[in-house]
Protein backbone atom coordinates (compact mmCIF):
# COMPACT_ATOMS: atom_id res chain seq x y z
CA UNK A 1 -62.35 -5.26 -30.61
CA UNK A 2 -60.09 -2.33 -30.39
CA UNK A 3 -61.94 -0.58 -27.86
CA UNK A 4 -61.48 -3.46 -25.48
CA UNK A 5 -58.16 -3.36 -26.05
CA UNK A 6 -57.67 0.43 -25.94
CA UNK A 7 -59.83 0.59 -22.31
CA UNK A 8 -57.25 -2.23 -21.14
CA UNK A 9 -54.31 0.25 -22.50
CA UNK A 10 -55.81 3.05 -20.12
CA UNK A 11 -56.61 0.81 -17.36
CA UNK A 12 -52.86 -0.50 -17.32
CA UNK A 13 -51.58 3.07 -17.59
CA UNK A 14 -53.50 3.72 -14.26
CA UNK A 15 -52.60 0.82 -12.78
CA UNK A 16 -49.08 1.56 -13.31
CA UNK A 17 -49.47 5.21 -12.19
CA UNK A 18 -51.11 3.83 -8.88
CA UNK A 19 -48.26 1.10 -8.38
CA UNK A 20 -45.55 3.42 -8.68
CA UNK A 21 -47.46 6.14 -6.33
CA UNK A 22 -47.35 3.11 -3.96
CA UNK A 23 -44.09 1.80 -4.24
CA UNK A 24 -42.73 5.61 -4.01
CA UNK A 25 -44.96 6.78 -1.42
CA UNK A 26 -46.72 4.11 0.71
CA UNK A 27 -50.29 5.69 -0.31
CA UNK A 28 -52.83 3.20 -1.17
CA UNK A 29 -56.37 3.77 -2.79
CA UNK A 30 -58.68 4.48 0.15
CA UNK A 31 -61.04 1.43 -0.81
CA UNK A 32 -57.96 -0.61 -0.51
CA UNK A 33 -56.48 0.41 2.55
CA UNK A 34 -58.02 -1.63 5.40
CA UNK A 35 -57.50 -4.89 3.85
CA UNK A 36 -53.78 -3.96 2.27
CA UNK A 37 -51.02 -5.08 4.87
CA UNK A 38 -47.76 -4.79 3.10
CA UNK A 39 -47.93 -1.63 0.57
CA UNK A 40 -44.61 -2.75 -1.01
CA UNK A 41 -45.80 -5.84 -2.33
CA UNK A 42 -49.40 -4.07 -3.29
CA UNK A 43 -47.56 -1.28 -5.27
CA UNK A 44 -45.30 -4.19 -6.89
CA UNK A 45 -48.33 -6.45 -8.10
CA UNK A 46 -50.40 -3.40 -9.10
CA UNK A 47 -47.11 -2.46 -11.55
CA UNK A 48 -46.86 -5.98 -12.39
CA UNK A 49 -50.47 -6.07 -13.72
CA UNK A 50 -50.44 -2.48 -15.33
CA UNK A 51 -47.76 -3.72 -17.53
CA UNK A 52 -49.24 -7.01 -18.71
CA UNK A 53 -52.43 -4.72 -19.77
CA UNK A 54 -50.21 -2.10 -21.59
CA UNK A 55 -47.91 -5.13 -23.23
CA UNK A 56 -50.81 -6.72 -24.38
CA UNK A 57 -52.59 -3.70 -25.88
CA UNK A 58 -49.21 -2.39 -27.60
CA UNK A 59 -48.43 -6.25 -28.94
CA UNK A 60 -52.40 -5.90 -30.45
CA UNK A 61 -51.94 -2.35 -32.05
CA UNK A 62 -48.62 -3.67 -33.62
CA UNK A 63 -46.55 -0.65 -31.88
CA UNK A 64 -44.00 -3.35 -30.76
CA UNK A 65 -42.51 -5.88 -33.23
CA UNK A 66 -44.80 -8.78 -33.57
CA UNK A 67 -43.60 -11.90 -31.74
CA UNK A 68 -45.12 -15.52 -31.67
CA UNK A 69 -48.47 -15.59 -29.82
CA UNK A 70 -47.22 -18.70 -27.29
CA UNK A 71 -44.90 -15.83 -26.17
CA UNK A 72 -47.45 -13.06 -26.01
CA UNK A 73 -49.87 -15.17 -24.38
CA UNK A 74 -47.89 -16.87 -22.00
CA UNK A 75 -45.51 -13.74 -21.15
CA UNK A 76 -48.98 -11.40 -20.97
CA UNK A 77 -50.59 -14.18 -18.27
CA UNK A 78 -47.07 -14.87 -16.36
CA UNK A 79 -46.91 -10.90 -15.84
CA UNK A 80 -50.70 -10.72 -15.11
CA UNK A 81 -50.91 -13.86 -12.63
CA UNK A 82 -47.67 -12.47 -10.64
CA UNK A 83 -49.58 -9.12 -10.23
CA UNK A 84 -52.54 -10.64 -8.84
CA UNK A 85 -50.22 -12.91 -6.56
CA UNK A 86 -48.42 -9.86 -5.19
CA UNK A 87 -51.51 -8.00 -4.47
CA UNK A 88 -53.09 -10.73 -2.84
CA UNK A 89 -50.14 -11.65 -0.97
CA UNK A 90 -50.08 -7.88 0.01
CA UNK A 91 -53.39 -8.16 1.84
CA UNK A 92 -53.19 -11.72 3.24
CA UNK A 93 -49.65 -11.47 5.12
CA UNK A 94 -49.78 -10.40 8.89
CA UNK A 95 -48.39 -7.13 9.57
CA UNK A 96 -44.54 -7.27 10.34
CA UNK A 97 -43.25 -6.10 13.40
CA UNK A 98 -41.50 -3.00 14.50
CA UNK A 99 -38.16 -3.04 13.15
CA UNK A 100 -36.97 -1.56 16.39
CA UNK A 101 -39.30 -2.29 19.03
CA UNK A 102 -38.96 -0.51 22.54
CA UNK A 103 -36.12 -2.36 24.20
CA UNK A 104 -36.72 -1.24 27.28
CA UNK A 105 -40.73 -2.23 27.16
CA UNK A 106 -39.91 -5.65 28.95
CA UNK A 107 -37.38 -4.35 31.70
CA UNK A 108 -40.12 -1.76 32.73
CA UNK A 109 -42.86 -4.60 33.28
CA UNK A 110 -40.34 -6.64 35.07
CA UNK A 111 -39.72 -3.60 37.12
CA UNK A 112 -43.04 -3.22 38.00
CA UNK A 113 -43.83 -7.15 38.71
CA UNK A 114 -40.81 -7.08 41.08
CA UNK A 115 -41.50 -4.04 42.63
CA UNK A 116 -44.97 -5.45 43.70
CA UNK A 117 -43.70 -8.82 44.70
CA UNK A 118 -40.73 -7.88 46.62
CA UNK A 119 -40.41 -5.68 49.61
CA UNK A 120 -37.85 -2.75 49.35
CA UNK A 121 -35.62 -1.55 52.36
CA UNK A 122 -37.89 2.14 52.23
CA UNK A 123 -40.89 -0.44 51.87
CA UNK A 124 -41.99 1.16 48.55
CA UNK A 125 -42.53 -2.38 47.38
CA UNK A 126 -44.65 -3.65 49.98
CA UNK A 127 -48.42 -4.70 49.26
CA UNK A 128 -50.19 -2.81 52.50
CA UNK A 129 -53.81 -3.42 52.92
CA UNK A 130 -56.09 -0.92 52.07
CA UNK A 131 -59.15 0.00 53.53
CA UNK A 132 -61.39 -2.61 51.71
CA UNK A 133 -59.05 -5.24 52.66
CA UNK A 134 -59.62 -5.17 56.33
CA UNK A 135 -63.44 -6.59 56.37
């Protein structure tokens, strides 16, 4: 049984490292890049999940002072499910809009439509029949 808990501790340390890298740099494992839309949520969820695995292992090996089994069980599961929920939320939530959208984009499209519809004094906005329109 000790090797199972030891493997979970190693997996938890790996998840903590990946969560910290994701929070710090935004880098995500290549297998998850296509699915993740919010790297910060994904990194925080990975960090919580890894913390849950490491804490459960530290309690098992009696490195941390022992508390009641209810606190270990419900606390560990709370961290685990909160982390999994954040990982899922980081994959299912839509992309955020750009915080600073191009303010001139709508103005440019309005000008291009207006220039095609209303003639200007110099005749630049007038729709003239082309060679294909003569027939």
